[in-house]
């Protein structure tokens, strides 16, 4: 019963907008601490790979953003289903908030992968199964954004873009399984595999993964708050909230 109550609270724009204001400062502090430690250990205090040299340090950015590119799209698809089934407008807002952040993570994954590919593979791009499906993921994110923006009616935009998010989710398991199903240049997933990565590299990698995950959450929350302001701008509770914040700012 308590879990359902929490679920319904998350579906309330008012509840989320008010609560998230207190979450953000703590999230920013935690993210800054993790990035400070992660960047120090990954860029200066982690060993150089005997084959890849210093280019291995790209991994500390590439791995987190590549994972978030897939996780972000799956989250969009889940929220799209919730929005269509339960008619929850907050779920549609979340898909809208995630899309540009996920697209940015996907672009970073492709960019850092290309930077790593030049010294390692001798080329910045190959029509490899993993790379091609990741590029398709970027197009799906951009397609979602473009499709949603093409409708004047926001409810139609939500429903149409939600269908694209759900259909496009089939690409995520293809990205993940491509290195196992086809003969690709891209190495298999080995982040958590015992002995696959030197512990001196694995620890900073996990720190950077945590930092990027928190950054992803912050950016989505900020965008979601803006989305709520855009959609609920005429509501009495939001106008009262804005006036209250302004009065606090004047007093301080």
Protein backbone atom coordinates (compact mmCIF):
# COMPACT_ATOMS: atom_id res chain seq x y z
CA UNK A 1 0.00 0.00 0.00
CA UNK A 2 2.82 2.38 0.89
CA UNK A 3 4.60 1.61 -2.38
CA UNK A 4 1.47 2.49 -4.39
CA UNK A 5 1.12 5.70 -2.43
CA UNK A 6 4.71 6.59 -3.31
CA UNK A 7 4.01 5.73 -6.96
CA UNK A 8 1.00 8.08 -7.03
CA UNK A 9 3.01 10.82 -5.32
CA UNK A 10 5.63 10.59 -8.06
CA UNK A 11 2.79 11.01 -10.54
CA UNK A 12 1.90 14.37 -9.00
CA UNK A 13 3.67 17.34 -10.64
CA UNK A 14 3.09 19.43 -7.52
CA UNK A 15 4.60 16.84 -5.15
CA UNK A 16 7.63 16.23 -7.38
CA UNK A 17 8.29 19.93 -8.01
CA UNK A 18 8.23 20.74 -4.32
CA UNK A 19 10.27 17.73 -3.17
CA UNK A 20 12.90 17.86 -5.92
CA UNK A 21 13.93 21.36 -4.89
CA UNK A 22 15.39 19.88 -1.70
CA UNK A 23 16.99 16.91 -3.52
CA UNK A 24 19.06 18.92 -5.99
CA UNK A 25 21.60 20.55 -3.61
CA UNK A 26 22.48 17.17 -2.07
CA UNK A 27 22.73 15.54 -5.48
CA UNK A 28 25.02 18.31 -6.74
CA UNK A 29 27.32 17.92 -3.73
CA UNK A 30 27.48 14.12 -4.09
CA UNK A 31 28.12 14.42 -7.83
CA UNK A 32 30.91 16.98 -7.35
CA UNK A 33 32.63 14.77 -4.75
CA UNK A 34 32.44 11.67 -6.95
CA UNK A 35 33.72 13.55 -10.00
CA UNK A 36 36.60 15.04 -8.00
CA UNK A 37 37.73 11.60 -6.81
CA UNK A 38 36.90 9.88 -10.08
CA UNK A 39 38.76 12.33 -12.31
CA UNK A 40 41.79 12.34 -10.04
CA UNK A 41 42.08 8.57 -9.90
CA UNK A 42 41.16 7.94 -13.54
CA UNK A 43 43.31 10.66 -15.13
CA UNK A 44 46.31 10.80 -12.81
CA UNK A 45 46.38 7.90 -10.38
CA UNK A 46 45.35 4.89 -12.47
CA UNK A 47 47.85 2.71 -14.37
CA UNK A 48 48.56 2.97 -18.08
CA UNK A 49 47.40 -0.02 -20.12
CA UNK A 50 50.25 -2.04 -21.59
CA UNK A 51 48.51 -2.19 -25.00
CA UNK A 52 46.36 0.94 -25.20
CA UNK A 53 48.62 3.33 -23.34
CA UNK A 54 46.98 6.51 -22.05
CA UNK A 55 44.06 6.12 -24.46
CA UNK A 56 42.60 3.65 -21.96
CA UNK A 57 41.59 6.66 -19.85
CA UNK A 58 38.81 7.37 -22.38
CA UNK A 59 37.12 4.30 -20.88
CA UNK A 60 36.33 6.21 -17.69
CA UNK A 61 33.98 8.46 -19.64
CA UNK A 62 32.94 6.15 -22.46
CA UNK A 63 31.67 3.27 -20.33
CA UNK A 64 29.33 5.35 -18.09
CA UNK A 65 27.82 7.42 -20.91
CA UNK A 66 27.37 4.34 -23.13
CA UNK A 67 25.49 2.56 -20.34
CA UNK A 68 23.36 5.64 -19.63
CA UNK A 69 22.47 5.99 -23.30
CA UNK A 70 20.73 2.60 -23.11
CA UNK A 71 19.34 2.97 -19.59
CA UNK A 72 17.90 6.37 -20.49
CA UNK A 73 16.03 5.00 -23.49
CA UNK A 74 14.67 2.03 -21.52
CA UNK A 75 13.46 4.48 -18.86
CA UNK A 76 11.73 6.49 -21.58
CA UNK A 77 10.01 3.36 -22.91
CA UNK A 78 8.83 2.34 -19.43
CA UNK A 79 7.47 5.82 -18.73
CA UNK A 80 5.81 5.85 -22.15
CA UNK A 81 3.99 2.61 -21.29
CA UNK A 82 2.92 4.02 -17.92
CA UNK A 83 1.69 7.18 -19.61
CA UNK A 84 -0.33 5.32 -22.23
CA UNK A 85 -1.78 2.70 -19.87
CA UNK A 86 -2.49 4.78 -16.77
CA UNK A 87 -2.92 8.15 -18.56
CA UNK A 88 -0.34 9.65 -16.20
CA UNK A 89 0.79 13.00 -17.57
CA UNK A 90 3.84 13.03 -15.30
CA UNK A 91 5.13 9.92 -17.10
CA UNK A 92 4.95 11.75 -20.42
CA UNK A 93 6.83 14.66 -18.86
CA UNK A 94 9.60 12.29 -17.77
CA UNK A 95 10.03 10.91 -21.29
CA UNK A 96 10.28 14.46 -22.57
CA UNK A 97 12.84 15.33 -19.88
CA UNK A 98 15.01 12.26 -20.49
CA UNK A 99 15.20 12.52 -24.29
CA UNK A 100 17.75 15.36 -24.73
CA UNK A 101 19.87 14.12 -21.81
CA UNK A 102 19.90 10.60 -23.25
CA UNK A 103 20.74 11.99 -26.69
CA UNK A 104 23.70 13.87 -25.19
CA UNK A 105 24.95 10.70 -23.48
CA UNK A 106 24.62 8.75 -26.72
CA UNK A 107 26.56 11.40 -28.63
CA UNK A 108 29.30 11.34 -25.98
CA UNK A 109 29.41 7.54 -26.20
CA UNK A 110 29.89 7.70 -29.98
CA UNK A 111 32.41 10.55 -29.76
CA UNK A 112 34.57 8.99 -27.05
CA UNK A 113 34.33 5.63 -28.79
CA UNK A 114 35.62 7.21 -31.98
CA UNK A 115 38.46 8.92 -30.08
CA UNK A 116 39.40 5.55 -28.58
CA UNK A 117 39.11 3.80 -31.95
CA UNK A 118 41.70 5.97 -33.70
CA UNK A 119 44.75 4.73 -31.70
CA UNK A 120 43.28 1.28 -30.98
CA UNK A 121 41.64 0.21 -34.25
CA UNK A 122 43.40 2.68 -36.54
CA UNK A 123 40.09 4.25 -37.58
CA UNK A 124 37.53 6.53 -35.95
CA UNK A 125 34.54 4.62 -37.38
CA UNK A 126 33.56 1.17 -38.58
CA UNK A 127 30.09 -0.04 -39.54
CA UNK A 128 30.38 -2.41 -36.62
CA UNK A 129 27.16 -3.90 -35.15
CA UNK A 130 27.67 -2.17 -31.79
CA UNK A 131 28.59 1.19 -33.29
CA UNK A 132 25.81 1.12 -35.89
CA UNK A 133 23.10 0.19 -33.38
CA UNK A 134 24.37 2.91 -31.01
CA UNK A 135 24.18 5.43 -33.85
CA UNK A 136 20.61 4.26 -34.50
CA UNK A 137 19.89 4.93 -30.81
CA UNK A 138 20.98 8.55 -31.27
CA UNK A 139 18.62 8.86 -34.24
CA UNK A 140 15.80 7.40 -32.12
CA UNK A 141 16.39 10.00 -29.41
CA UNK A 142 16.47 12.81 -31.97
CA UNK A 143 13.43 11.35 -33.72
CA UNK A 144 11.51 11.34 -30.43
CA UNK A 145 12.39 14.99 -29.82
CA UNK A 146 11.50 16.00 -33.40
CA UNK A 147 8.23 14.04 -33.40
CA UNK A 148 7.11 15.50 -30.08
CA UNK A 149 7.93 19.02 -31.25
CA UNK A 150 6.00 18.59 -34.52
CA UNK A 151 2.58 18.52 -32.81
CA UNK A 152 0.80 21.64 -31.67
CA UNK A 153 -1.47 19.52 -29.47
CA UNK A 154 0.63 18.39 -26.51
CA UNK A 155 -1.52 15.35 -25.72
CA UNK A 156 -1.17 14.06 -29.28
CA UNK A 157 2.57 14.75 -29.11
CA UNK A 158 2.84 12.75 -25.89
CA UNK A 159 1.00 9.74 -27.29
CA UNK A 160 2.75 9.69 -30.67
CA UNK A 161 6.23 10.11 -29.21
CA UNK A 162 5.46 7.48 -26.57
CA UNK A 163 4.73 4.91 -29.29
CA UNK A 164 8.09 5.69 -30.92
CA UNK A 165 9.86 5.32 -27.57
CA UNK A 166 8.27 1.91 -27.00
CA UNK A 167 8.98 0.61 -30.53
CA UNK A 168 12.52 1.96 -30.49
CA UNK A 169 13.31 0.14 -27.25
CA UNK A 170 13.89 -3.05 -29.26
CA UNK A 171 17.21 -1.50 -30.30
CA UNK A 172 18.57 -1.50 -26.74
CA UNK A 173 18.97 -5.31 -26.36
CA UNK A 174 20.45 -5.33 -29.86
CA UNK A 175 23.13 -2.86 -28.74
CA UNK A 176 23.87 -4.88 -25.62
CA UNK A 177 23.94 -8.28 -27.32
CA UNK A 178 25.57 -7.26 -30.60
CA UNK A 179 29.09 -8.15 -29.46
CA UNK A 180 27.91 -11.67 -28.59
CA UNK A 181 25.65 -12.30 -31.57
CA UNK A 182 27.92 -11.01 -34.36
CA UNK A 183 31.63 -10.87 -35.08
CA UNK A 184 32.38 -7.25 -34.16
CA UNK A 185 35.42 -5.11 -33.49
CA UNK A 186 33.95 -3.86 -30.24
CA UNK A 187 35.07 -5.74 -27.16
CA UNK A 188 32.58 -7.63 -25.02
CA UNK A 189 31.18 -6.22 -21.77
CA UNK A 190 33.73 -6.84 -19.01
CA UNK A 191 33.25 -4.12 -16.40
CA UNK A 192 32.08 -6.45 -13.64
CA UNK A 193 33.82 -9.60 -14.86
CA UNK A 194 36.35 -10.80 -12.30
CA UNK A 195 39.93 -10.45 -13.50
CA UNK A 196 38.97 -8.68 -16.74
CA UNK A 197 40.06 -5.25 -15.47
CA UNK A 198 42.90 -4.36 -13.14
CA UNK A 199 41.42 -3.40 -9.71
CA UNK A 200 43.38 -0.13 -9.94
CA UNK A 201 41.32 0.67 -13.04
CA UNK A 202 38.06 -0.88 -11.88
CA UNK A 203 37.73 1.26 -8.74
CA UNK A 204 37.98 4.66 -10.49
CA UNK A 205 35.71 3.33 -13.23
CA UNK A 206 32.99 2.52 -10.69
CA UNK A 207 33.43 5.97 -9.12
CA UNK A 208 33.01 7.62 -12.53
CA UNK A 209 29.98 5.46 -13.26
CA UNK A 210 28.39 6.67 -10.02
CA UNK A 211 29.27 10.28 -10.83
CA UNK A 212 27.74 10.13 -14.30
CA UNK A 213 24.62 8.37 -13.04
CA UNK A 214 24.07 11.13 -10.48
CA UNK A 215 24.73 13.80 -13.13
CA UNK A 216 22.20 12.11 -15.39
CA UNK A 217 19.63 12.16 -12.57
CA UNK A 218 20.29 15.84 -11.87
CA UNK A 219 19.90 16.87 -15.50
CA UNK A 220 16.67 14.91 -15.85
CA UNK A 221 15.27 16.41 -12.63
CA UNK A 222 16.16 19.95 -13.75
CA UNK A 223 14.58 19.39 -17.15
CA UNK A 224 11.54 17.79 -15.56
CA UNK A 225 11.07 20.80 -13.30
CA UNK A 226 11.21 23.05 -16.38
CA UNK A 227 8.71 20.79 -18.14
CA UNK A 228 6.36 21.04 -15.16
CA UNK A 229 6.69 24.83 -15.19
CA UNK A 230 5.88 24.86 -18.90
CA UNK A 231 2.80 22.63 -18.59
CA UNK A 232 1.51 23.74 -15.20
CA UNK A 233 2.31 27.43 -15.54
CA UNK A 234 -1.31 28.52 -15.10
CA UNK A 235 -1.99 26.32 -12.07
CA UNK A 236 -2.55 28.08 -8.76
CA UNK A 237 -0.09 25.93 -6.82
CA UNK A 238 2.80 26.70 -9.19
CA UNK A 239 2.07 30.42 -9.23
CA UNK A 240 2.00 30.37 -5.43
CA UNK A 241 5.30 28.45 -5.41
CA UNK A 242 6.96 30.98 -7.72
CA UNK A 243 5.71 33.91 -5.64
CA UNK A 244 6.95 32.24 -2.44
CA UNK A 245 10.41 31.72 -3.95
CA UNK A 246 10.53 35.32 -5.12
CA UNK A 247 9.62 36.61 -1.67
CA UNK A 248 12.37 34.48 -0.13
CA UNK A 249 14.84 35.86 -2.66
CA UNK A 250 13.85 39.47 -1.87
CA UNK A 251 14.23 38.91 1.90
CA UNK A 252 17.65 37.34 1.51
